[in-house]
Every structure is written in structure tokens, then in C-alpha cells.
Amino acid sequence: MSNQAYIFDMDGVLADNCRYHVLAWRVFSERHGFALTDEQVLEWMGAANRVYMERLLGRPVAGDELTALENEKESIYRELYAPHRRIPEGLRAFLDRAHADGIPCGVATGAPEQNITFILDGLDLRRDFRCVVDPTQYTRSKPAPDCYLRAAALLGVAPENCTVFEDAVAGIQSAHAAGMRVVAITTTNPRATLQSAGADRIIDSFAEL
């Protein structure tokens, strides 16, 4: 059993796609008679779609209504991002090195299954991860530590021996709440924001590692 592990957030980390999520949320909100700013979307980044929907609508959303709204928003995102989908600079080499060193890797994300398939299978990354933790496997969304603790348990590595790769403030808070180190990448937030959130290291791309 490995004594360390790498756990990756998906959006903004395994794919440089957050600008397309921001645009999709703005398109979606306008369709429903609301106005979201880029800053509001980024502030909530890392949370499950249910959190976004409830903050946007100002009421609980669940069941078929949540499914329909989520499918609508995510179809907008996938249409926008599909022509630009690619593996971030340096990620392939970094994952290959982790595998060569025997370091298990996992994903912990708030994304729905269709988006996980869109990214992990669309970029041929699923084979790189021993576990993929999605919102069906935990109760509290980021910044709660649930998703990262679940990933550590599945990888069989103590939380204090896990390094998380994140791009969002809520994700950094989630990983620290789980007792893990955090490497933050500047795909979504500026360096100063990530530093203020408490990232242990900040990189502009995986090529630096």
C-alpha cells in the first residue's frame, strides 16, 4: 500500500474549462430570468450544481426539477467547451511520473456523471485514476471535506499523506479541512486569491512539476 496519494479536482485542473462553466452559468441564468456575474460563479466554484441552483433560485431544488435544470446547464457547457477540450500542459507527463513512482491517483469532483464522462473519457484520462468520487458518494459539498476524505479512503491512504490539486477557493478549503496538502493551479483564480485561500504551493501549469 502506498504511503502517499494524489487527488485531483476535475474542472479547472484536469481540464482548463472553468471559463466555459462560467459562460454556461451566465447563459443558463439569463434563460431563467436571472443575472449572474463572473465573480458570483467563481465564488461558488467547486460546489455541486444543487448548491448553484438553490442560490440562484433562492429555494430548495431536488428530484426531477434538479435533474432537468442540471441537464440543461451542463448541455450548454458541453456544447461550449467541446471544440476546446484538451489535456492541460504537462498533465500527461506528470501522471505518467506518478504511476512510475507507484503513487495512486484519484479524482474528487462535484461534477455530474455526464461531465465526468465528457472529460475523463473524452481526454482518455479515466485509466489514470483508481477512484472517481462524484456527488452521489458524499453528502456535503465543498468546502466541506467529504469528497476528499472519501477519495483518501478509497485509495487506502491517510488524509495527511494526500496531496490535492485544486483551482478553486472552496476546493482548497475542502482539502485543508480534510487535513491534506494543496497544490493550486492558476487556471481559474489569480495567484493572490489562491495564496489568500491557503494553498501550500501555487503553479501555473503541471509542466512546473
N, C-alpha and C. Protein backbone atom coordinates (compact mmCIF):
# COMPACT_ATOMS: atom_id res chain seq x y z
N MET A 1 0.84 -1.19 0.00
CA MET A 1 0.00 0.00 0.00
C MET A 1 0.88 1.25 0.00
N SER A 2 0.57 2.20 -0.90
CA SER A 2 1.33 3.43 -0.97
C SER A 2 1.15 4.27 0.28
N ASN A 3 2.20 5.03 0.64
CA ASN A 3 2.09 5.91 1.80
C ASN A 3 1.78 7.35 1.39
N GLN A 4 1.49 7.55 0.11
CA GLN A 4 1.03 8.86 -0.33
C GLN A 4 0.15 8.70 -1.56
N ALA A 5 -0.65 9.74 -1.82
CA ALA A 5 -1.56 9.71 -2.96
C ALA A 5 -1.77 11.11 -3.49
N TYR A 6 -2.17 11.20 -4.74
CA TYR A 6 -2.56 12.45 -5.36
C TYR A 6 -4.06 12.40 -5.65
N ILE A 7 -4.77 13.46 -5.28
CA ILE A 7 -6.20 13.54 -5.55
C ILE A 7 -6.45 14.83 -6.33
N PHE A 8 -7.15 14.70 -7.44
CA PHE A 8 -7.36 15.82 -8.34
C PHE A 8 -8.83 16.24 -8.37
N ASP A 9 -9.06 17.54 -8.21
CA ASP A 9 -10.34 18.09 -8.64
C ASP A 9 -10.37 17.94 -10.16
N MET A 10 -11.55 18.00 -10.75
CA MET A 10 -11.62 17.80 -12.21
C MET A 10 -11.67 19.12 -12.97
N ASP A 11 -12.77 19.86 -12.81
CA ASP A 11 -12.93 21.10 -13.57
C ASP A 11 -11.90 22.13 -13.15
N GLY A 12 -11.18 22.66 -14.14
CA GLY A 12 -10.15 23.64 -13.85
C GLY A 12 -8.80 23.05 -13.52
N VAL A 13 -8.75 21.73 -13.36
CA VAL A 13 -7.50 21.05 -13.01
C VAL A 13 -7.13 20.03 -14.08
N LEU A 14 -7.99 19.04 -14.28
CA LEU A 14 -7.76 18.05 -15.33
C LEU A 14 -8.19 18.59 -16.69
N ALA A 15 -8.92 19.68 -16.67
CA ALA A 15 -9.32 20.37 -17.90
C ALA A 15 -9.37 21.86 -17.60
N ASP A 16 -8.84 22.66 -18.50
CA ASP A 16 -8.87 24.11 -18.33
C ASP A 16 -10.19 24.62 -18.90
N ASN A 17 -11.26 24.34 -18.16
CA ASN A 17 -12.61 24.54 -18.70
C ASN A 17 -13.48 25.50 -17.91
N CYS A 18 -12.95 26.10 -16.88
CA CYS A 18 -13.83 26.87 -15.99
C CYS A 18 -14.41 28.11 -16.66
N ARG A 19 -13.70 28.68 -17.62
CA ARG A 19 -14.28 29.83 -18.32
C ARG A 19 -15.55 29.43 -19.05
N TYR A 20 -15.62 28.17 -19.48
CA TYR A 20 -16.81 27.70 -20.19
C TYR A 20 -17.94 27.38 -19.22
N HIS A 21 -17.58 26.93 -18.02
CA HIS A 21 -18.61 26.76 -16.98
C HIS A 21 -19.19 28.12 -16.59
N VAL A 22 -18.33 29.12 -16.45
CA VAL A 22 -18.80 30.46 -16.10
C VAL A 22 -19.75 30.98 -17.17
N LEU A 23 -19.36 30.85 -18.42
CA LEU A 23 -20.22 31.30 -19.51
C LEU A 23 -21.53 30.53 -19.54
N ALA A 24 -21.45 29.22 -19.32
CA ALA A 24 -22.67 28.40 -19.32
C ALA A 24 -23.63 28.80 -18.22
N TRP A 25 -23.09 29.09 -17.02
CA TRP A 25 -23.95 29.54 -15.92
C TRP A 25 -24.60 30.87 -16.24
N ARG A 26 -23.90 31.76 -16.90
CA ARG A 26 -24.48 33.05 -17.26
C ARG A 26 -25.58 32.88 -18.31
N VAL A 27 -25.34 32.05 -19.30
CA VAL A 27 -26.36 31.77 -20.32
C VAL A 27 -27.59 31.13 -19.66
N PHE A 28 -27.34 30.14 -18.81
CA PHE A 28 -28.43 29.44 -18.12
C PHE A 28 -29.24 30.41 -17.26
N SER A 29 -28.56 31.25 -16.48
CA SER A 29 -29.28 32.16 -15.58
C SER A 29 -30.11 33.17 -16.36
N GLU A 30 -29.57 33.66 -17.49
CA GLU A 30 -30.33 34.60 -18.31
C GLU A 30 -31.58 33.95 -18.89
N ARG A 31 -31.47 32.69 -19.27
CA ARG A 31 -32.65 31.97 -19.78
C ARG A 31 -33.76 31.90 -18.74
N HIS A 32 -33.36 31.87 -17.48
CA HIS A 32 -34.33 31.72 -16.40
C HIS A 32 -34.65 33.04 -15.70
N GLY A 33 -34.24 34.15 -16.33
CA GLY A 33 -34.64 35.45 -15.81
C GLY A 33 -33.80 35.99 -14.68
N PHE A 34 -32.57 35.48 -14.55
CA PHE A 34 -31.66 35.94 -13.51
C PHE A 34 -30.38 36.46 -14.15
N ALA A 35 -29.59 37.16 -13.36
CA ALA A 35 -28.30 37.65 -13.84
C ALA A 35 -27.22 37.25 -12.85
N LEU A 36 -26.28 36.47 -13.32
CA LEU A 36 -25.12 36.09 -12.51
C LEU A 36 -23.88 36.78 -13.07
N THR A 37 -23.04 37.27 -12.20
CA THR A 37 -21.76 37.84 -12.63
C THR A 37 -20.69 36.74 -12.64
N ASP A 38 -19.61 37.01 -13.35
CA ASP A 38 -18.49 36.06 -13.33
C ASP A 38 -18.00 35.85 -11.90
N GLU A 39 -17.99 36.93 -11.13
CA GLU A 39 -17.48 36.84 -9.76
C GLU A 39 -18.34 35.91 -8.90
N GLN A 40 -19.66 35.96 -9.08
CA GLN A 40 -20.55 35.08 -8.31
C GLN A 40 -20.31 33.62 -8.67
N VAL A 41 -20.17 33.34 -9.95
CA VAL A 41 -19.94 31.96 -10.37
C VAL A 41 -18.63 31.45 -9.80
N LEU A 42 -17.58 32.25 -9.87
CA LEU A 42 -16.27 31.84 -9.37
C LEU A 42 -16.28 31.66 -7.85
N GLU A 43 -17.05 32.49 -7.16
CA GLU A 43 -17.15 32.38 -5.70
C GLU A 43 -17.72 31.03 -5.29
N TRP A 44 -18.64 30.51 -6.10
CA TRP A 44 -19.29 29.24 -5.77
C TRP A 44 -18.56 28.04 -6.38
N MET A 45 -17.52 28.29 -7.18
CA MET A 45 -16.86 27.23 -7.92
C MET A 45 -16.40 26.11 -7.00
N GLY A 46 -16.66 24.87 -7.44
CA GLY A 46 -16.30 23.70 -6.66
C GLY A 46 -17.49 23.06 -5.99
N ALA A 47 -18.58 23.82 -5.84
CA ALA A 47 -19.79 23.27 -5.23
C ALA A 47 -20.57 22.45 -6.24
N ALA A 48 -21.42 21.57 -5.74
CA ALA A 48 -22.29 20.78 -6.60
C ALA A 48 -23.33 21.67 -7.25
N ASN A 49 -23.89 21.22 -8.37
CA ASN A 49 -24.87 22.01 -9.09
C ASN A 49 -26.08 22.37 -8.24
N ARG A 50 -26.46 21.49 -7.33
CA ARG A 50 -27.60 21.77 -6.47
C ARG A 50 -27.40 23.06 -5.69
N VAL A 51 -26.16 23.29 -5.23
CA VAL A 51 -25.85 24.50 -4.48
C VAL A 51 -26.04 25.73 -5.36
N TYR A 52 -25.55 25.66 -6.59
CA TYR A 52 -25.73 26.77 -7.52
C TYR A 52 -27.22 27.04 -7.76
N MET A 53 -27.97 25.98 -8.05
CA MET A 53 -29.39 26.13 -8.36
C MET A 53 -30.14 26.76 -7.21
N GLU A 54 -29.86 26.31 -6.00
CA GLU A 54 -30.59 26.82 -4.84
C GLU A 54 -30.22 28.26 -4.54
N ARG A 55 -28.98 28.63 -4.73
CA ARG A 55 -28.58 30.03 -4.54
C ARG A 55 -29.17 30.91 -5.62
N LEU A 56 -29.22 30.40 -6.84
CA LEU A 56 -29.77 31.17 -7.95
C LEU A 56 -31.28 31.38 -7.79
N LEU A 57 -32.00 30.31 -7.45
CA LEU A 57 -33.45 30.37 -7.36
C LEU A 57 -33.95 30.82 -5.99
N GLY A 58 -33.08 30.74 -4.98
CA GLY A 58 -33.46 31.17 -3.65
C GLY A 58 -34.39 30.22 -2.92
N ARG A 59 -34.33 28.95 -3.27
CA ARG A 59 -35.19 27.94 -2.64
C ARG A 59 -34.59 26.56 -2.86
N PRO A 60 -35.03 25.57 -2.07
CA PRO A 60 -34.53 24.21 -2.28
C PRO A 60 -34.93 23.67 -3.66
N VAL A 61 -34.03 22.90 -4.25
CA VAL A 61 -34.28 22.27 -5.55
C VAL A 61 -33.85 20.81 -5.44
N ALA A 62 -34.72 19.92 -5.85
CA ALA A 62 -34.40 18.48 -5.72
C ALA A 62 -35.18 17.69 -6.77
N GLY A 63 -34.90 16.38 -6.80
CA GLY A 63 -35.67 15.46 -7.62
C GLY A 63 -35.61 15.76 -9.10
N ASP A 64 -36.75 15.59 -9.77
CA ASP A 64 -36.81 15.76 -11.23
C ASP A 64 -36.50 17.19 -11.65
N GLU A 65 -36.90 18.15 -10.83
CA GLU A 65 -36.61 19.54 -11.19
C GLU A 65 -35.10 19.79 -11.22
N LEU A 66 -34.40 19.32 -10.21
CA LEU A 66 -32.95 19.48 -10.18
C LEU A 66 -32.30 18.78 -11.36
N THR A 67 -32.75 17.58 -11.67
CA THR A 67 -32.19 16.83 -12.80
C THR A 67 -32.37 17.58 -14.10
N ALA A 68 -33.57 18.12 -14.31
CA ALA A 68 -33.85 18.83 -15.56
C ALA A 68 -33.00 20.10 -15.67
N LEU A 69 -32.91 20.87 -14.58
CA LEU A 69 -32.13 22.10 -14.60
C LEU A 69 -30.64 21.80 -14.79
N GLU A 70 -30.17 20.78 -14.09
CA GLU A 70 -28.77 20.39 -14.21
C GLU A 70 -28.44 19.95 -15.63
N ASN A 71 -29.31 19.14 -16.23
CA ASN A 71 -29.07 18.68 -17.60
C ASN A 71 -29.04 19.84 -18.58
N GLU A 72 -29.92 20.82 -18.35
CA GLU A 72 -29.94 21.99 -19.23
C GLU A 72 -28.64 22.77 -19.15
N LYS A 73 -28.21 23.07 -17.93
CA LYS A 73 -26.99 23.85 -17.77
C LYS A 73 -25.78 23.11 -18.32
N GLU A 74 -25.67 21.82 -18.01
CA GLU A 74 -24.48 21.07 -18.42
C GLU A 74 -24.45 20.84 -19.93
N SER A 75 -25.59 20.75 -20.56
CA SER A 75 -25.59 20.61 -22.02
C SER A 75 -25.07 21.89 -22.67
N ILE A 76 -25.39 23.05 -22.07
CA ILE A 76 -24.85 24.32 -22.56
C ILE A 76 -23.32 24.31 -22.43
N TYR A 77 -22.84 23.90 -21.26
CA TYR A 77 -21.39 23.85 -21.02
C TYR A 77 -20.68 22.92 -22.01
N ARG A 78 -21.20 21.72 -22.21
CA ARG A 78 -20.52 20.76 -23.08
C ARG A 78 -20.49 21.26 -24.52
N GLU A 79 -21.55 21.90 -24.94
CA GLU A 79 -21.59 22.45 -26.30
C GLU A 79 -20.54 23.55 -26.46
N LEU A 80 -20.40 24.39 -25.44
CA LEU A 80 -19.43 25.47 -25.50
C LEU A 80 -17.99 24.97 -25.46
N TYR A 81 -17.74 23.96 -24.62
CA TYR A 81 -16.36 23.53 -24.37
C TYR A 81 -15.86 22.47 -25.35
N ALA A 82 -16.75 21.71 -25.95
CA ALA A 82 -16.34 20.58 -26.79
C ALA A 82 -15.27 20.94 -27.83
N PRO A 83 -15.38 22.07 -28.53
CA PRO A 83 -14.34 22.37 -29.54
C PRO A 83 -12.98 22.70 -28.93
N HIS A 84 -12.93 22.96 -27.63
CA HIS A 84 -11.69 23.40 -26.98
C HIS A 84 -11.12 22.35 -26.02
N ARG A 85 -11.73 21.19 -25.94
CA ARG A 85 -11.36 20.18 -24.96
C ARG A 85 -9.98 19.62 -25.26
N ARG A 86 -9.08 19.72 -24.27
CA ARG A 86 -7.73 19.18 -24.43
C ARG A 86 -7.09 18.97 -23.06
N ILE A 87 -6.02 18.16 -23.01
CA ILE A 87 -5.32 17.91 -21.76
C ILE A 87 -4.43 19.11 -21.44
N PRO A 88 -4.45 19.62 -20.21
CA PRO A 88 -3.61 20.76 -19.84
C PRO A 88 -2.12 20.47 -20.00
N GLU A 89 -1.37 21.51 -20.23
CA GLU A 89 0.07 21.40 -20.41
C GLU A 89 0.72 20.70 -19.22
N GLY A 90 1.52 19.69 -19.53
CA GLY A 90 2.30 18.99 -18.52
C GLY A 90 1.57 17.91 -17.75
N LEU A 91 0.25 17.82 -17.89
CA LEU A 91 -0.51 16.86 -17.08
C LEU A 91 -0.18 15.42 -17.44
N ARG A 92 -0.09 15.12 -18.74
CA ARG A 92 0.19 13.74 -19.14
C ARG A 92 1.52 13.26 -18.57
N ALA A 93 2.55 14.06 -18.67
CA ALA A 93 3.86 13.67 -18.15
C ALA A 93 3.84 13.54 -16.64
N PHE A 94 3.09 14.42 -15.96
CA PHE A 94 3.02 14.36 -14.50
C PHE A 94 2.32 13.08 -14.04
N LEU A 95 1.23 12.72 -14.69
CA LEU A 95 0.52 11.48 -14.34
C LEU A 95 1.39 10.26 -14.62
N ASP A 96 2.08 10.27 -15.74
CA ASP A 96 2.95 9.14 -16.07
C ASP A 96 4.04 8.97 -15.01
N ARG A 97 4.58 10.07 -14.53
CA ARG A 97 5.62 10.01 -13.50
C ARG A 97 5.03 9.48 -12.18
N ALA A 98 3.83 9.92 -11.84
CA ALA A 98 3.18 9.42 -10.62
C ALA A 98 2.99 7.91 -10.69
N HIS A 99 2.54 7.43 -11.84
CA HIS A 99 2.34 5.99 -11.99
C HIS A 99 3.67 5.24 -11.89
N ALA A 100 4.71 5.79 -12.49
CA ALA A 100 6.03 5.16 -12.44
C ALA A 100 6.55 5.10 -11.01
N ASP A 101 6.19 6.09 -10.21
CA ASP A 101 6.62 6.14 -8.81
C ASP A 101 5.70 5.36 -7.87
N GLY A 102 4.65 4.75 -8.43
CA GLY A 102 3.73 3.96 -7.61
C GLY A 102 2.80 4.78 -6.75
N ILE A 103 2.54 6.02 -7.14
CA ILE A 103 1.65 6.90 -6.37
C ILE A 103 0.24 6.78 -6.93
N PRO A 104 -0.72 6.28 -6.13
CA PRO A 104 -2.09 6.16 -6.62
C PRO A 104 -2.74 7.53 -6.79
N CYS A 105 -3.59 7.65 -7.79
CA CYS A 105 -4.25 8.90 -8.10
C CYS A 105 -5.76 8.72 -8.11
N GLY A 106 -6.47 9.74 -7.65
CA GLY A 106 -7.92 9.71 -7.66
C GLY A 106 -8.47 11.06 -8.06
N VAL A 107 -9.77 11.07 -8.34
CA VAL A 107 -10.49 12.30 -8.68
C VAL A 107 -11.59 12.51 -7.65
N ALA A 108 -11.77 13.76 -7.22
CA ALA A 108 -12.89 14.12 -6.34
C ALA A 108 -13.53 15.37 -6.91
N THR A 109 -14.77 15.25 -7.36
CA THR A 109 -15.39 16.33 -8.10
C THR A 109 -16.86 16.52 -7.71
N GLY A 110 -17.34 17.72 -7.94
CA GLY A 110 -18.76 18.00 -7.76
C GLY A 110 -19.53 17.89 -9.06
N ALA A 111 -18.85 17.47 -10.12
CA ALA A 111 -19.47 17.40 -11.45
C ALA A 111 -20.41 16.20 -11.57
N PRO A 112 -21.46 16.32 -12.39
CA PRO A 112 -22.34 15.19 -12.64
C PRO A 112 -21.69 14.16 -13.55
N GLU A 113 -22.26 12.97 -13.60
CA GLU A 113 -21.67 11.84 -14.32
C GLU A 113 -21.43 12.14 -15.79
N GLN A 114 -22.38 12.83 -16.45
CA GLN A 114 -22.20 13.12 -17.87
C GLN A 114 -20.95 13.96 -18.13
N ASN A 115 -20.68 14.91 -17.23
CA ASN A 115 -19.50 15.73 -17.40
C ASN A 115 -18.22 14.98 -17.09
N ILE A 116 -18.30 14.07 -16.11
CA ILE A 116 -17.14 13.22 -15.81
C ILE A 116 -16.78 12.38 -17.02
N THR A 117 -17.77 11.79 -17.63
CA THR A 117 -17.55 11.01 -18.86
C THR A 117 -16.99 11.90 -19.96
N PHE A 118 -17.55 13.08 -20.11
CA PHE A 118 -17.14 14.04 -21.14
C PHE A 118 -15.66 14.39 -21.01
N ILE A 119 -15.18 14.57 -19.78
CA ILE A 119 -13.78 14.93 -19.56
C ILE A 119 -12.88 13.71 -19.48
N LEU A 120 -13.16 12.80 -18.56
CA LEU A 120 -12.23 11.68 -18.33
C LEU A 120 -12.14 10.74 -19.52
N ASP A 121 -13.27 10.42 -20.13
CA ASP A 121 -13.24 9.54 -21.30
C ASP A 121 -12.90 10.31 -22.57
N GLY A 122 -13.41 11.55 -22.66
CA GLY A 122 -13.11 12.35 -23.84
C GLY A 122 -11.63 12.68 -23.98
N LEU A 123 -10.92 12.78 -22.86
CA LEU A 123 -9.49 13.06 -22.87
C LEU A 123 -8.65 11.82 -22.58
N ASP A 124 -9.29 10.66 -22.52
CA ASP A 124 -8.61 9.38 -22.25
C ASP A 124 -7.81 9.43 -20.96
N LEU A 125 -8.47 9.93 -19.89
CA LEU A 125 -7.81 10.05 -18.59
C LEU A 125 -8.33 9.06 -17.55
N ARG A 126 -9.45 8.43 -17.79
CA ARG A 126 -10.05 7.60 -16.75
C ARG A 126 -9.10 6.49 -16.29
N ARG A 127 -8.31 5.96 -17.18
CA ARG A 127 -7.37 4.88 -16.84
C ARG A 127 -6.32 5.31 -15.83
N ASP A 128 -6.16 6.62 -15.67
CA ASP A 128 -5.12 7.13 -14.78
C ASP A 128 -5.54 7.14 -13.31
N PHE A 129 -6.82 6.90 -13.02
CA PHE A 129 -7.33 7.10 -11.67
C PHE A 129 -7.94 5.84 -11.10
N ARG A 130 -7.52 5.52 -9.89
CA ARG A 130 -8.03 4.33 -9.20
C ARG A 130 -9.44 4.55 -8.66
N CYS A 131 -9.80 5.80 -8.42
CA CYS A 131 -11.16 6.08 -7.95
C CYS A 131 -11.61 7.42 -8.51
N VAL A 132 -12.91 7.53 -8.72
CA VAL A 132 -13.53 8.79 -9.13
C VAL A 132 -14.70 9.03 -8.17
N VAL A 133 -14.56 10.04 -7.33
CA VAL A 133 -15.59 10.36 -6.34
C VAL A 133 -16.46 11.48 -6.92
N ASP A 134 -17.77 11.19 -7.06
CA ASP A 134 -18.72 12.16 -7.59
C ASP A 134 -19.75 12.50 -6.51
N PRO A 135 -20.67 13.43 -6.77
CA PRO A 135 -21.60 13.88 -5.72
C PRO A 135 -22.53 12.80 -5.17
N THR A 136 -22.66 11.68 -5.86
CA THR A 136 -23.50 10.60 -5.33
C THR A 136 -22.81 9.87 -4.18
N GLN A 137 -21.52 10.15 -3.96
CA GLN A 137 -20.75 9.40 -2.96
C GLN A 137 -20.47 10.19 -1.69
N TYR A 138 -20.98 11.42 -1.62
CA TYR A 138 -20.80 12.21 -0.40
C TYR A 138 -21.98 13.13 -0.21
N THR A 139 -22.15 13.64 1.01
CA THR A 139 -23.33 14.42 1.35
C THR A 139 -23.08 15.92 1.26
N ARG A 140 -22.02 16.40 1.89
CA ARG A 140 -21.76 17.84 1.93
C ARG A 140 -20.80 18.24 0.83
N SER A 141 -21.15 19.30 0.13
CA SER A 141 -20.33 19.80 -0.96
C SER A 141 -19.13 20.57 -0.41
N LYS A 142 -18.12 20.81 -1.26
CA LYS A 142 -17.02 21.68 -0.89
C LYS A 142 -17.59 23.04 -0.47
N PRO A 143 -17.09 23.67 0.58
CA PRO A 143 -15.78 23.49 1.24
C PRO A 143 -15.73 22.43 2.35
N ALA A 144 -16.79 21.66 2.54
CA ALA A 144 -16.71 20.53 3.48
C ALA A 144 -15.71 19.51 2.95
N PRO A 145 -15.10 18.72 3.82
CA PRO A 145 -14.02 17.82 3.39
C PRO A 145 -14.48 16.48 2.83
N ASP A 146 -15.78 16.25 2.76
CA ASP A 146 -16.32 14.91 2.50
C ASP A 146 -15.75 14.24 1.26
N CYS A 147 -15.71 14.96 0.13
CA CYS A 147 -15.29 14.32 -1.12
C CYS A 147 -13.83 13.88 -1.04
N TYR A 148 -12.98 14.68 -0.42
CA TYR A 148 -11.57 14.32 -0.35
C TYR A 148 -11.31 13.21 0.67
N LEU A 149 -12.05 13.21 1.74
CA LEU A 149 -11.92 12.11 2.70
C LEU A 149 -12.38 10.79 2.08
N ARG A 150 -13.43 10.85 1.28
CA ARG A 150 -13.92 9.66 0.60
C ARG A 150 -12.85 9.13 -0.37
N ALA A 151 -12.23 10.03 -1.12
CA ALA A 151 -11.19 9.61 -2.07
C ALA A 151 -10.01 8.98 -1.35
N ALA A 152 -9.58 9.57 -0.25
CA ALA A 152 -8.46 9.02 0.51
C ALA A 152 -8.79 7.61 1.02
N ALA A 153 -10.02 7.43 1.49
CA ALA A 153 -10.43 6.12 1.98
C ALA A 153 -10.40 5.09 0.85
N LEU A 154 -10.87 5.46 -0.32
CA LEU A 154 -10.88 4.54 -1.46
C LEU A 154 -9.47 4.20 -1.94
N LEU A 155 -8.57 5.17 -1.81
CA LEU A 155 -7.18 4.94 -2.22
C LEU A 155 -6.37 4.22 -1.14
N GLY A 156 -6.92 4.15 0.08
CA GLY A 156 -6.23 3.47 1.17
C GLY A 156 -5.04 4.23 1.71
N VAL A 157 -5.12 5.56 1.66
CA VAL A 157 -4.02 6.42 2.11
C VAL A 157 -4.55 7.39 3.15
N ALA A 158 -3.80 7.59 4.23
CA ALA A 158 -4.23 8.52 5.28
C ALA A 158 -4.33 9.93 4.71
N PRO A 159 -5.33 10.70 5.15
CA PRO A 159 -5.50 12.06 4.61
C PRO A 159 -4.25 12.92 4.68
N GLU A 160 -3.51 12.81 5.77
CA GLU A 160 -2.31 13.66 5.90
C GLU A 160 -1.22 13.30 4.90
N ASN A 161 -1.36 12.18 4.22
CA ASN A 161 -0.39 11.77 3.20
C ASN A 161 -0.90 12.01 1.79
N CYS A 162 -2.00 12.75 1.67
CA CYS A 162 -2.58 13.04 0.35
C CYS A 162 -2.26 14.47 -0.06
N THR A 163 -1.96 14.65 -1.33
CA THR A 163 -1.80 15.97 -1.92
C THR A 163 -2.93 16.19 -2.90
N VAL A 164 -3.62 17.31 -2.74
CA VAL A 164 -4.76 17.65 -3.59
C VAL A 164 -4.34 18.70 -4.60
N PHE A 165 -4.87 18.58 -5.81
CA PHE A 165 -4.65 19.57 -6.87
C PHE A 165 -5.98 20.27 -7.12
N GLU A 166 -6.00 21.57 -6.90
CA GLU A 166 -7.23 22.35 -6.93
C GLU A 166 -7.04 23.66 -7.69
N ASP A 167 -8.17 24.26 -8.06
CA ASP A 167 -8.14 25.57 -8.70
C ASP A 167 -9.07 26.56 -8.02
N ALA A 168 -9.93 26.08 -7.11
CA ALA A 168 -10.98 26.91 -6.52
C ALA A 168 -10.76 27.12 -5.03
N VAL A 169 -11.23 28.27 -4.54
CA VAL A 169 -11.09 28.59 -3.13
C VAL A 169 -11.81 27.56 -2.27
N ALA A 170 -13.05 27.22 -2.62
CA ALA A 170 -13.81 26.24 -1.85
C ALA A 170 -13.12 24.88 -1.85
N GLY A 171 -12.46 24.54 -2.95
CA GLY A 171 -11.74 23.28 -3.02
C GLY A 171 -10.51 23.26 -2.12
N ILE A 172 -9.80 24.38 -2.08
CA ILE A 172 -8.65 24.49 -1.18
C ILE A 172 -9.10 24.34 0.26
N GLN A 173 -10.20 25.01 0.61
CA GLN A 173 -10.74 24.91 1.96
C GLN A 173 -11.18 23.48 2.27
N SER A 174 -11.77 22.81 1.30
CA SER A 174 -12.20 21.43 1.48
C SER A 174 -11.02 20.51 1.77
N ALA A 175 -9.96 20.65 0.97
CA ALA A 175 -8.79 19.78 1.15
C ALA A 175 -8.10 20.04 2.48
N HIS A 176 -7.99 21.31 2.86
CA HIS A 176 -7.37 21.61 4.15
C HIS A 176 -8.23 21.10 5.30
N ALA A 177 -9.55 21.18 5.16
CA ALA A 177 -10.44 20.65 6.20
C ALA A 177 -10.27 19.15 6.34
N ALA A 178 -9.86 18.50 5.25
CA ALA A 178 -9.59 17.06 5.28
C ALA A 178 -8.20 16.74 5.81
N GLY A 179 -7.39 17.77 6.08
CA GLY A 179 -6.05 17.56 6.58
C GLY A 179 -5.03 17.25 5.51
N MET A 180 -5.27 17.72 4.29
CA MET A 180 -4.41 17.41 3.16
C MET A 180 -3.64 18.63 2.68
N ARG A 181 -2.50 18.40 2.03
CA ARG A 181 -1.76 19.47 1.38
C ARG A 181 -2.46 19.85 0.07
N VAL A 182 -2.26 21.10 -0.36
CA VAL A 182 -2.94 21.55 -1.58
C VAL A 182 -1.95 22.26 -2.51
N VAL A 183 -1.91 21.77 -3.74
CA VAL A 183 -1.23 22.48 -4.82
C VAL A 183 -2.33 23.12 -5.67
N ALA A 184 -2.29 24.45 -5.79
CA ALA A 184 -3.32 25.17 -6.53
C ALA A 184 -2.78 25.61 -7.89
N ILE A 185 -3.62 25.49 -8.92
CA ILE A 185 -3.24 25.88 -10.26
C ILE A 185 -4.04 27.11 -10.67
N THR A 186 -3.39 28.03 -11.37
CA THR A 186 -3.97 29.35 -11.64
C THR A 186 -4.85 29.38 -12.88
N THR A 187 -5.56 28.30 -13.18
CA THR A 187 -6.43 28.28 -14.35
C THR A 187 -7.70 29.08 -14.14
N THR A 188 -8.16 29.18 -12.89
CA THR A 188 -9.46 29.78 -12.60
C THR A 188 -9.34 31.05 -11.78
N ASN A 189 -8.45 31.06 -10.80
CA ASN A 189 -8.27 32.20 -9.91
C ASN A 189 -6.85 32.73 -9.98
N PRO A 190 -6.65 34.02 -9.73
CA PRO A 190 -5.29 34.57 -9.73
C PRO A 190 -4.49 34.06 -8.55
N ARG A 191 -3.20 34.17 -8.68
CA ARG A 191 -2.28 33.67 -7.66
C ARG A 191 -2.58 34.26 -6.28
N ALA A 192 -2.89 35.55 -6.21
CA ALA A 192 -3.14 36.19 -4.92
C ALA A 192 -4.35 35.58 -4.22
N THR A 193 -5.39 35.26 -4.98
CA THR A 193 -6.58 34.64 -4.40
C THR A 193 -6.27 33.26 -3.86
N LEU A 194 -5.51 32.48 -4.61
CA LEU A 194 -5.15 31.13 -4.17
C LEU A 194 -4.24 31.17 -2.94
N GLN A 195 -3.36 32.16 -2.91
CA GLN A 195 -2.47 32.31 -1.76
C GLN A 195 -3.27 32.68 -0.52
N SER A 196 -4.23 33.60 -0.68
CA SER A 196 -5.08 34.00 0.45
C SER A 196 -5.92 32.84 0.96
N ALA A 197 -6.28 31.92 0.06
CA ALA A 197 -7.08 30.76 0.45
C ALA A 197 -6.26 29.72 1.19
N GLY A 198 -4.92 29.86 1.16
CA GLY A 198 -4.07 28.97 1.94
C GLY A 198 -3.41 27.85 1.17
N ALA A 199 -3.33 27.97 -0.15
CA ALA A 199 -2.66 26.92 -0.92
C ALA A 199 -1.22 26.75 -0.47
N ASP A 200 -0.78 25.51 -0.38
CA ASP A 200 0.59 25.22 0.06
C ASP A 200 1.61 25.49 -1.04
N ARG A 201 1.18 25.36 -2.29
CA ARG A 201 2.03 25.68 -3.43
C ARG A 201 1.11 26.14 -4.55
N ILE A 202 1.60 27.06 -5.37
CA ILE A 202 0.81 27.57 -6.49
C ILE A 202 1.61 27.38 -7.76
N ILE A 203 0.95 26.84 -8.79
CA ILE A 203 1.61 26.62 -10.08
C ILE A 203 0.74 27.22 -11.19
N ASP A 204 1.39 27.53 -12.31
CA ASP A 204 0.67 28.00 -13.48
C ASP A 204 0.34 26.85 -14.43
N SER A 205 1.09 25.77 -14.34
CA SER A 205 0.80 24.58 -15.15
C SER A 205 1.50 23.37 -14.54
N PHE A 206 1.06 22.19 -14.92
CA PHE A 206 1.67 20.96 -14.43
C PHE A 206 3.10 20.79 -14.96
N ALA A 207 3.46 21.52 -15.99
CA ALA A 207 4.82 21.43 -16.50
C ALA A 207 5.84 21.85 -15.46
N GLU A 208 5.42 22.68 -14.49
CA GLU A 208 6.32 23.10 -13.42
C GLU A 208 6.68 21.98 -12.46
N LEU A 209 5.88 20.90 -12.48
CA LEU A 209 6.12 19.80 -11.55
C LEU A 209 6.91 18.68 -12.21
